[in-house]
Amino acid sequence: GTSTHTEKELENTYTTVSDIVGQLQKEDEDFYHIATNNMLQMPNYGYLADYNGLHAFLSTCNVKYISQLRRMGMASDIGRISDYPANPFLYSILNIKYILSDRSETNEVKNQLSFGNDSLSHYSLLNEQGNFGVYENDMVLSPVIVAEQDFSDYKTLAGDFKSSFADLQNAFCKELCGVDTLFQSAEIEIEDVVTKNCRAGVVKEKNVLVANNIGGSNTDETAEYNPNELSYITIKARAKKNYDLYAKMGLVDHVGEVKQGEEFEYTFTIEATYFDEMGMYMQDYSFCTFDAVSWEKAYEKLKNQQMKVDDYRDGYLKGTLTSDGKHTVFTSIPYDENWDVWVDGKKVETKNLAPAFLSFSVEEGQHQIEMKYHVNGVGVGILVSLLCLILFATACIVEKKGRKTEETKTSGL
């Protein structure tokens, strides 16, 4: 759908977000990113409120970085990455320490992706300001982590486009620290499908959902489809065990905690553009659970493999890390050939990991790491500017001499 807001509403939201960010930056000087949840009014908060976020525009970012995070379960469009859904593993390795969430009761917020339970249940609520809640991720990691493996197994899996977001995250975590059980398959029995502004059903044998806009809903076939409204599909189901449930219906969504045997509902939206020329929409679906025990195990290992950040500025990172052997170093920074990396004062080769992330290698031992971003063409630009300045100065001198000569001739007359 299209967001429509008054100028005053946008101004109030921007002011509130800026106040929240300013307070966080005043109280916390560590390196971190801020994410947003359910905030649809403006997609560019990070730029407007001057904070590090996940928005990554194609003009300044490796396209494969956006594609990679999309395949690993994060929502994205042509120009940016959304920080939805709230996933503990991704949030931690992407340095997301704080999450701002719009907690208002507007339909736009309610209908963002689903009516699942609180997607921020993994994080602690620090405070509330207006309609916004400020959450903290207690398990955030630094942007530089020594990996146990070289990611060759992950590359093989990532090359298969049938790999699920759960498989990819498990494989990525395995390469980082050896843990590959973050996500596990969930046994879910779908009992009913309720719709609004469309009709839909599931083919359980193939885990495929089929919807069409012929008719108004499953309960009222006489109702007319309205292309100017969103369509809603609610899955009513029961879980065979207790799960921290994630669902994939096109996008990945955190449904939340579901109890064994109890019926739960999961609702998601379909835009008019999703239907094809025949009015049909087909989508594979899957359910999986996030295993907290596996994540605790992975985090305990990763926090000992991360770099201690000593200094950071725009385009600059410096810190100390320790490796127990020759290993690949993962950074959450999108790969860009303009990044230079020094290990113990020696410039090293950078690599495009996944391909998406900036990486390099280190030998066994403790190392001082320094990373700088340079802009191509700066030297040439300075040289051109100097030449222009010299030409301008020369022209001024010539013009001044010409005026003096003319004045001399005039006075001689």
Protein backbone atom coordinates (compact mmCIF):
# COMPACT_ATOMS: atom_id res chain seq x y z
CA GLY A 1 0.00 0.00 0.00
CA THR A 2 0.97 3.65 -0.24
CA SER A 3 1.70 5.68 2.88
CA THR A 4 -0.23 8.92 3.22
CA HIS A 5 0.68 11.27 6.03
CA THR A 6 0.33 14.95 6.72
CA GLU A 7 3.42 17.13 6.86
CA LYS A 8 2.77 17.70 10.58
CA GLU A 9 2.64 13.95 11.29
CA LEU A 10 5.93 13.38 9.52
CA GLU A 11 7.51 16.31 11.34
CA ASN A 12 6.36 15.02 14.72
CA THR A 13 7.63 11.52 13.96
CA TYR A 14 10.99 12.82 12.75
CA THR A 15 11.34 15.02 15.86
CA THR A 16 10.54 12.10 18.18
CA VAL A 17 12.96 9.74 16.42
CA SER A 18 15.71 12.38 16.44
CA ASP A 19 15.20 12.97 20.18
CA ILE A 20 15.38 9.24 20.90
CA VAL A 21 18.51 8.77 18.78
CA GLY A 22 20.18 11.82 20.30
CA GLN A 23 19.64 10.45 23.80
CA LEU A 24 20.98 7.01 22.84
CA GLN A 25 24.08 8.53 21.26
CA LYS A 26 24.64 10.67 24.35
CA GLU A 27 24.42 7.71 26.73
CA ASP A 28 26.17 5.06 24.60
CA GLU A 29 29.43 5.76 22.78
CA ASP A 30 29.99 2.17 21.56
CA PHE A 31 29.76 1.14 17.91
CA TYR A 32 26.26 -0.06 17.03
CA HIS A 33 23.43 0.16 14.51
CA ILE A 34 19.84 1.16 15.14
CA ALA A 35 16.94 -0.66 13.49
CA THR A 36 13.29 0.27 13.07
CA ASN A 37 10.21 -1.90 13.29
CA ASN A 38 6.70 -1.02 12.07
CA MET A 39 7.84 2.43 10.95
CA LEU A 40 6.40 2.97 7.49
CA GLN A 41 6.00 6.73 7.29
CA MET A 42 9.52 7.44 6.05
CA PRO A 43 12.02 4.77 4.94
CA ASN A 44 15.06 7.00 5.39
CA TYR A 45 15.18 7.55 9.15
CA GLY A 46 18.87 6.69 9.32
CA TYR A 47 19.80 9.54 7.02
CA LEU A 48 17.28 12.04 8.37
CA ALA A 49 18.04 11.45 12.05
CA ASP A 50 21.78 10.87 11.47
CA TYR A 51 22.28 7.37 12.83
CA ASN A 52 23.75 4.09 11.58
CA GLY A 53 20.96 1.92 10.26
CA LEU A 54 20.36 -0.86 7.74
CA HIS A 55 19.16 1.28 4.87
CA ALA A 56 21.46 0.52 1.94
CA PHE A 57 20.79 2.26 -1.33
CA LEU A 58 21.98 0.74 -4.59
CA SER A 59 23.92 3.87 -5.53
CA THR A 60 26.20 3.40 -2.52
CA CYS A 61 25.98 -0.30 -1.69
CA ASN A 62 26.99 -3.67 -3.11
CA VAL A 63 23.81 -4.98 -4.76
CA LYS A 64 24.67 -8.53 -3.70
CA TYR A 65 24.64 -7.41 -0.07
CA ILE A 66 20.96 -6.51 -0.41
CA SER A 67 20.22 -9.74 -2.27
CA GLN A 68 22.06 -11.79 0.35
CA LEU A 69 20.15 -10.37 3.30
CA ARG A 70 16.90 -10.78 1.39
CA ARG A 71 17.62 -14.48 0.89
CA MET A 72 18.46 -14.79 4.59
CA GLY A 73 15.01 -13.55 5.52
CA MET A 74 15.09 -9.77 5.65
CA ALA A 75 12.57 -7.75 3.68
CA SER A 76 13.94 -5.46 0.97
CA ASP A 77 12.95 -3.56 -2.12
CA ILE A 78 14.85 -2.02 -5.01
CA GLY A 79 16.45 0.74 -3.00
CA ARG A 80 16.79 -0.39 0.59
CA ILE A 81 16.87 -3.14 3.18
CA SER A 82 14.20 -3.26 5.83
CA ASP A 83 15.10 -4.33 9.35
CA TYR A 84 12.11 -6.65 9.41
CA PRO A 85 11.76 -9.24 10.82
CA ALA A 86 13.46 -9.14 14.21
CA ASN A 87 15.84 -12.11 14.10
CA PRO A 88 18.31 -12.53 16.98
CA PHE A 89 21.15 -14.01 14.90
CA LEU A 90 20.98 -11.49 12.06
CA TYR A 91 20.44 -8.56 14.41
CA SER A 92 23.51 -9.54 16.43
CA ILE A 93 25.96 -10.09 13.56
CA LEU A 94 24.67 -6.90 11.87
CA ASN A 95 25.44 -4.92 15.06
CA ILE A 96 21.81 -4.00 15.78
CA LYS A 97 21.86 -2.87 19.41
CA TYR A 98 18.71 -0.74 19.53
CA ILE A 99 15.34 -1.19 17.82
CA LEU A 100 12.79 1.61 17.53
CA SER A 101 9.23 0.37 17.14
CA ASP A 102 6.07 2.27 16.27
CA ARG A 103 3.56 1.01 18.83
CA SER A 104 0.61 3.07 17.60
CA GLU A 105 -2.72 1.47 16.73
CA THR A 106 -2.98 2.78 13.18
CA ASN A 107 -4.14 0.34 10.52
CA GLU A 108 -0.92 0.93 8.58
CA VAL A 109 1.16 -0.32 11.49
CA LYS A 110 -1.17 -3.23 12.24
CA ASN A 111 -1.19 -4.41 8.65
CA GLN A 112 2.53 -4.12 7.90
CA LEU A 113 3.04 -7.84 7.40
CA SER A 114 1.11 -9.87 9.93
CA PHE A 115 -0.92 -9.97 13.09
CA GLY A 116 1.57 -12.28 14.75
CA ASN A 117 2.67 -11.93 18.36
CA ASP A 118 5.26 -9.42 19.51
CA SER A 119 8.14 -9.74 17.05
CA LEU A 120 10.42 -7.99 19.55
CA SER A 121 10.01 -10.54 22.32
CA HIS A 122 13.74 -11.34 22.22
CA TYR A 123 14.67 -7.81 23.28
CA SER A 124 14.21 -5.73 26.42
CA LEU A 125 12.08 -2.56 26.41
CA LEU A 126 14.24 0.35 27.58
CA ASN A 127 11.68 3.13 27.48
CA GLU A 128 8.74 4.59 25.62
CA GLN A 129 8.44 8.01 24.04
CA GLY A 130 5.14 8.92 22.44
CA ASN A 131 4.07 6.01 20.23
CA PHE A 132 7.60 4.64 20.07
CA GLY A 133 9.19 1.89 22.12
CA VAL A 134 12.98 1.66 22.42
CA TYR A 135 14.29 -1.91 22.65
CA GLU A 136 17.82 -3.11 23.42
CA ASN A 137 19.57 -6.18 22.02
CA ASP A 138 21.69 -7.52 24.89
CA MET A 139 23.53 -9.94 22.58
CA VAL A 140 24.82 -7.50 19.96
CA LEU A 141 28.22 -8.27 18.42
CA SER A 142 30.94 -6.08 16.94
CA PRO A 143 31.17 -5.58 13.15
CA VAL A 144 34.30 -7.76 12.86
CA ILE A 145 34.33 -11.47 13.80
CA VAL A 146 36.95 -14.18 13.26
CA ALA A 147 35.22 -17.11 11.53
CA GLU A 148 36.02 -20.77 12.15
CA GLN A 149 35.60 -21.77 8.49
CA ASP A 150 36.32 -20.27 5.05
CA PHE A 151 32.64 -20.19 3.96
CA SER A 152 33.20 -22.64 1.08
CA ASP A 153 30.34 -24.88 2.27
CA TYR A 154 28.09 -21.87 2.61
CA LYS A 155 28.89 -20.72 -0.94
CA THR A 156 27.79 -24.12 -2.25
CA LEU A 157 24.47 -23.90 -0.40
CA ALA A 158 23.91 -20.26 -1.32
CA GLY A 159 24.36 -21.19 -4.98
CA ASP A 160 21.23 -23.34 -4.77
CA PHE A 161 18.28 -20.97 -4.97
CA LYS A 162 16.04 -23.64 -3.44
CA SER A 163 17.81 -23.15 -0.12
CA SER A 164 15.49 -21.70 2.50
CA PHE A 165 16.25 -18.68 4.67
CA ALA A 166 16.57 -21.09 7.62
CA ASP A 167 19.11 -23.29 5.78
CA LEU A 168 21.15 -20.24 4.79
CA GLN A 169 21.24 -18.79 8.30
CA ASN A 170 22.15 -22.17 9.81
CA ALA A 171 24.97 -22.58 7.27
CA PHE A 172 26.24 -19.03 7.83
CA CYS A 173 26.29 -19.52 11.60
CA LYS A 174 28.11 -22.85 11.13
CA GLU A 175 30.86 -21.12 9.15
CA LEU A 176 31.20 -18.45 11.84
CA CYS A 177 31.22 -20.65 14.93
CA GLY A 178 30.28 -24.26 14.16
CA VAL A 179 26.62 -24.10 15.29
CA ASP A 180 24.12 -25.09 12.56
CA THR A 181 20.87 -25.66 14.47
CA LEU A 182 19.53 -22.12 14.96
CA PHE A 183 16.44 -22.86 12.89
CA GLN A 184 14.65 -26.20 12.97
CA SER A 185 11.60 -27.46 11.12
CA ALA A 186 8.26 -26.91 12.90
CA GLU A 187 5.36 -29.35 12.66
CA ILE A 188 2.28 -27.27 11.97
CA GLU A 189 -1.21 -28.50 11.08
CA ILE A 190 -3.22 -25.94 9.12
CA GLU A 191 -6.91 -26.22 9.93
CA ASP A 192 -8.52 -23.31 8.11
CA VAL A 193 -7.81 -20.36 5.82
CA VAL A 194 -9.87 -17.19 6.30
CA THR A 195 -9.61 -14.35 3.80
CA LYS A 196 -10.67 -10.78 3.10
CA ASN A 197 -10.73 -9.27 -0.39
CA CYS A 198 -9.51 -12.51 -1.98
CA ARG A 199 -10.00 -16.27 -1.88
CA ALA A 200 -7.28 -18.72 -0.88
CA GLY A 201 -6.40 -22.26 0.11
CA VAL A 202 -3.33 -24.41 0.73
CA VAL A 203 -2.00 -27.53 -0.99
CA LYS A 204 -0.57 -29.21 2.10
CA GLU A 205 1.24 -31.97 0.21
CA LYS A 206 3.38 -29.39 -1.59
CA ASN A 207 3.38 -26.60 1.01
CA VAL A 208 1.90 -24.17 -1.51
CA LEU A 209 -0.64 -21.42 -0.91
CA VAL A 210 -2.92 -20.50 -3.81
CA ALA A 211 -4.98 -17.29 -3.84
CA ASN A 212 -7.10 -15.48 -6.41
CA ASN A 213 -9.01 -12.23 -6.63
CA ILE A 214 -12.09 -13.83 -8.22
CA GLY A 215 -14.72 -13.23 -5.56
CA GLY A 216 -14.47 -11.37 -2.31
CA SER A 217 -13.50 -13.92 0.34
CA ASN A 218 -13.69 -17.56 1.39
CA THR A 219 -16.82 -16.84 3.42
CA ASP A 220 -18.57 -14.58 0.89
CA GLU A 221 -18.05 -15.52 -2.75
CA THR A 222 -20.52 -12.86 -3.90
CA ALA A 223 -18.41 -9.98 -2.60
CA GLU A 224 -16.48 -8.06 -5.24
CA TYR A 225 -12.71 -7.76 -5.24
CA ASN A 226 -11.46 -4.22 -4.57
CA PRO A 227 -8.03 -3.61 -6.21
CA ASN A 228 -7.61 -0.44 -4.15
CA GLU A 229 -7.51 -2.39 -0.88
CA LEU A 230 -5.07 -4.91 0.54
CA SER A 231 -6.08 -8.57 0.63
CA TYR A 232 -5.74 -10.48 3.90
CA ILE A 233 -5.12 -14.18 4.43
CA THR A 234 -5.34 -15.66 7.93
CA ILE A 235 -3.92 -19.12 8.55
CA LYS A 236 -5.54 -20.92 11.49
CA ALA A 237 -3.33 -23.75 12.71
CA ARG A 238 -2.07 -25.83 15.62
CA ALA A 239 1.52 -26.60 16.59
CA LYS A 240 2.58 -30.10 17.61
CA LYS A 241 5.18 -28.67 20.02
CA ASN A 242 6.01 -25.40 21.75
CA TYR A 243 7.69 -23.18 19.19
CA ASP A 244 9.22 -19.73 18.75
CA LEU A 245 7.65 -19.71 15.32
CA TYR A 246 8.75 -18.12 12.05
CA ALA A 247 6.65 -18.31 8.90
CA LYS A 248 7.67 -17.75 5.30
CA MET A 249 4.92 -16.69 2.92
CA GLY A 250 7.00 -14.80 0.39
CA LEU A 251 8.51 -12.68 3.16
CA VAL A 252 9.72 -14.11 6.45
CA ASP A 253 7.66 -13.18 9.49
CA HIS A 254 8.16 -13.78 13.20
CA VAL A 255 4.85 -15.21 14.38
CA GLY A 256 6.00 -15.50 17.99
CA GLU A 257 5.56 -18.03 20.79
CA VAL A 258 2.96 -20.72 20.08
CA LYS A 259 1.95 -23.47 22.50
CA GLN A 260 1.62 -27.17 21.76
CA GLY A 261 -1.94 -28.08 20.73
CA GLU A 262 -3.30 -24.53 20.99
CA GLU A 263 -4.76 -22.91 17.91
CA PHE A 264 -2.93 -19.83 16.67
CA GLU A 265 -3.54 -17.42 13.82
CA TYR A 266 -1.10 -15.94 11.37
CA THR A 267 -2.27 -13.14 9.07
CA PHE A 268 -0.40 -11.59 6.19
CA THR A 269 -1.27 -9.16 3.42
CA ILE A 270 -1.25 -9.31 -0.36
CA GLU A 271 -1.04 -6.21 -2.52
CA ALA A 272 -2.97 -5.95 -5.78
CA THR A 273 0.28 -6.15 -7.78
CA TYR A 274 0.95 -9.65 -6.42
CA PHE A 275 -1.86 -11.15 -8.50
CA ASP A 276 -0.96 -12.10 -12.07
CA GLU A 277 -2.98 -11.34 -15.22
CA MET A 278 -5.24 -14.29 -14.47
CA GLY A 279 -5.86 -13.00 -10.95
CA MET A 280 -3.80 -15.79 -9.37
CA TYR A 281 -1.12 -15.75 -6.69
CA MET A 282 0.90 -18.84 -5.72
CA GLN A 283 3.50 -18.98 -2.98
CA ASP A 284 5.53 -21.68 -1.25
CA TYR A 285 5.16 -21.56 2.52
CA SER A 286 7.09 -23.01 5.42
CA PHE A 287 7.22 -22.85 9.21
CA CYS A 288 10.28 -23.22 11.40
CA THR A 289 11.29 -22.57 14.98
CA PHE A 290 14.20 -20.55 16.34
CA ASP A 291 16.13 -22.58 18.91
CA ALA A 292 17.16 -20.42 21.86
CA VAL A 293 19.58 -23.02 23.27
CA SER A 294 21.50 -23.20 19.98
CA TRP A 295 21.62 -19.41 19.78
CA GLU A 296 23.01 -19.14 23.34
CA LYS A 297 25.72 -21.63 22.39
CA ALA A 298 26.54 -19.74 19.19
CA TYR A 299 26.61 -16.36 20.94
CA GLU A 300 28.99 -17.56 23.67
CA LYS A 301 31.44 -18.56 20.94
CA LEU A 302 30.95 -15.51 18.74
CA LYS A 303 31.47 -12.96 21.51
CA ASN A 304 34.93 -14.46 22.09
CA GLN A 305 35.71 -14.24 18.36
CA GLN A 306 34.68 -10.61 17.88
CA MET A 307 36.95 -7.61 17.53
CA LYS A 308 37.14 -5.16 20.41
CA VAL A 309 36.39 -1.81 18.78
CA ASP A 310 38.72 0.89 20.11
CA ASP A 311 37.87 3.70 17.70
CA TYR A 312 35.28 4.29 15.04
CA ARG A 313 34.31 7.21 12.87
CA ASP A 314 32.68 7.67 9.52
CA GLY A 315 34.60 5.33 7.21
CA TYR A 316 37.04 4.23 9.92
CA LEU A 317 37.33 1.32 12.37
CA LYS A 318 40.17 0.33 14.66
CA GLY A 319 40.39 -2.47 17.20
CA THR A 320 41.96 -5.67 18.51
CA LEU A 321 41.07 -9.28 17.75
CA THR A 322 42.56 -12.68 18.56
CA SER A 323 42.63 -15.73 16.27
CA ASP A 324 43.53 -19.32 17.20
CA GLY A 325 44.83 -20.01 13.69
CA LYS A 326 44.74 -18.83 10.10
CA HIS A 327 41.11 -17.82 9.60
CA THR A 328 38.76 -15.75 7.49
CA VAL A 329 37.55 -12.57 9.19
CA PHE A 330 33.89 -11.69 8.59
CA THR A 331 32.76 -8.08 8.72
CA SER A 332 29.16 -6.93 8.52
CA ILE A 333 30.30 -4.11 6.20
CA PRO A 334 29.00 -4.40 2.61
CA TYR A 335 31.92 -5.21 0.31
CA ASP A 336 33.42 -2.21 -1.42
CA GLU A 337 36.84 -2.13 -3.05
CA ASN A 338 37.42 1.31 -1.54
CA TRP A 339 37.90 -0.20 1.92
CA ASP A 340 41.56 -0.66 2.94
CA VAL A 341 42.51 -2.98 5.81
CA TRP A 342 45.75 -3.12 7.81
CA VAL A 343 46.66 -6.02 10.12
CA ASP A 344 49.42 -5.08 12.57
CA GLY A 345 50.30 -2.15 10.32
CA LYS A 346 50.55 -4.24 7.15
CA LYS A 347 48.01 -3.70 4.38
CA VAL A 348 46.21 -6.95 3.51
CA GLU A 349 44.04 -8.12 0.63
CA THR A 350 40.28 -7.73 1.09
CA LYS A 351 37.76 -10.22 -0.25
CA ASN A 352 34.08 -10.26 -1.18
CA LEU A 353 32.57 -12.84 1.17
CA ALA A 354 29.31 -14.67 0.33
CA PRO A 355 29.53 -12.50 -1.99
CA ALA A 356 28.22 -9.59 0.01
CA PHE A 357 30.46 -8.75 2.96
CA LEU A 358 33.93 -7.26 3.28
CA SER A 359 36.40 -9.82 4.64
CA PHE A 360 40.12 -10.56 5.00
CA SER A 361 42.39 -13.18 6.58
CA VAL A 362 44.52 -13.26 9.73
CA GLU A 363 47.12 -15.62 11.14
CA GLU A 364 47.17 -17.05 14.67
CA GLY A 365 47.63 -14.56 17.49
CA GLN A 366 46.43 -11.17 18.67
CA HIS A 367 46.21 -8.48 16.00
CA GLN A 368 45.70 -4.74 15.69
CA ILE A 369 43.14 -4.07 12.95
CA GLU A 370 42.67 -0.77 11.17
CA MET A 371 40.10 -0.18 8.43
CA LYS A 372 39.73 2.97 6.32
CA TYR A 373 37.40 3.90 3.50
CA HIS A 374 38.82 6.04 0.70
CA VAL A 375 36.98 7.70 -2.15
CA ASN A 376 38.35 7.09 -5.64
CA GLY A 377 39.27 10.17 -7.59
CA VAL A 378 39.93 12.42 -4.60
CA GLY A 379 43.57 12.95 -5.61
CA VAL A 380 42.61 13.68 -9.20
CA GLY A 381 39.91 16.05 -7.98
CA ILE A 382 42.38 17.96 -5.82
CA LEU A 383 44.83 18.19 -8.74
CA VAL A 384 42.11 19.47 -11.08
CA SER A 385 41.03 22.01 -8.45
CA LEU A 386 44.64 23.24 -8.07
CA LEU A 387 45.05 23.56 -11.84
CA CYS A 388 41.78 25.48 -12.05
CA LEU A 389 42.95 27.73 -9.22
CA ILE A 390 46.28 28.36 -10.99
CA LEU A 391 44.50 29.11 -14.28
CA PHE A 392 42.09 31.42 -12.48
CA ALA A 393 44.96 33.24 -10.75
CA THR A 394 46.88 33.51 -14.03
CA ALA A 395 43.80 34.91 -15.77
CA CYS A 396 43.36 37.46 -12.99
CA ILE A 397 47.03 38.55 -13.29
CA VAL A 398 46.80 38.84 -17.07
CA GLU A 399 43.55 40.79 -16.76
CA LYS A 400 45.10 43.09 -14.14
CA LYS A 401 48.19 43.74 -16.33
CA GLY A 402 45.89 44.41 -19.28
CA ARG A 403 43.96 46.98 -17.25
CA LYS A 404 47.21 48.71 -16.17
CA THR A 405 48.44 48.85 -19.78
CA GLU A 406 45.13 50.33 -20.90
CA GLU A 407 45.22 52.88 -18.07
CA THR A 408 48.79 53.88 -19.06
CA LYS A 409 47.78 54.38 -22.65
CA THR A 410 44.77 56.43 -21.59
CA SER A 411 46.81 58.67 -19.25
CA GLY A 412 49.41 59.18 -22.02
CA LEU A 413 46.73 60.59 -24.26
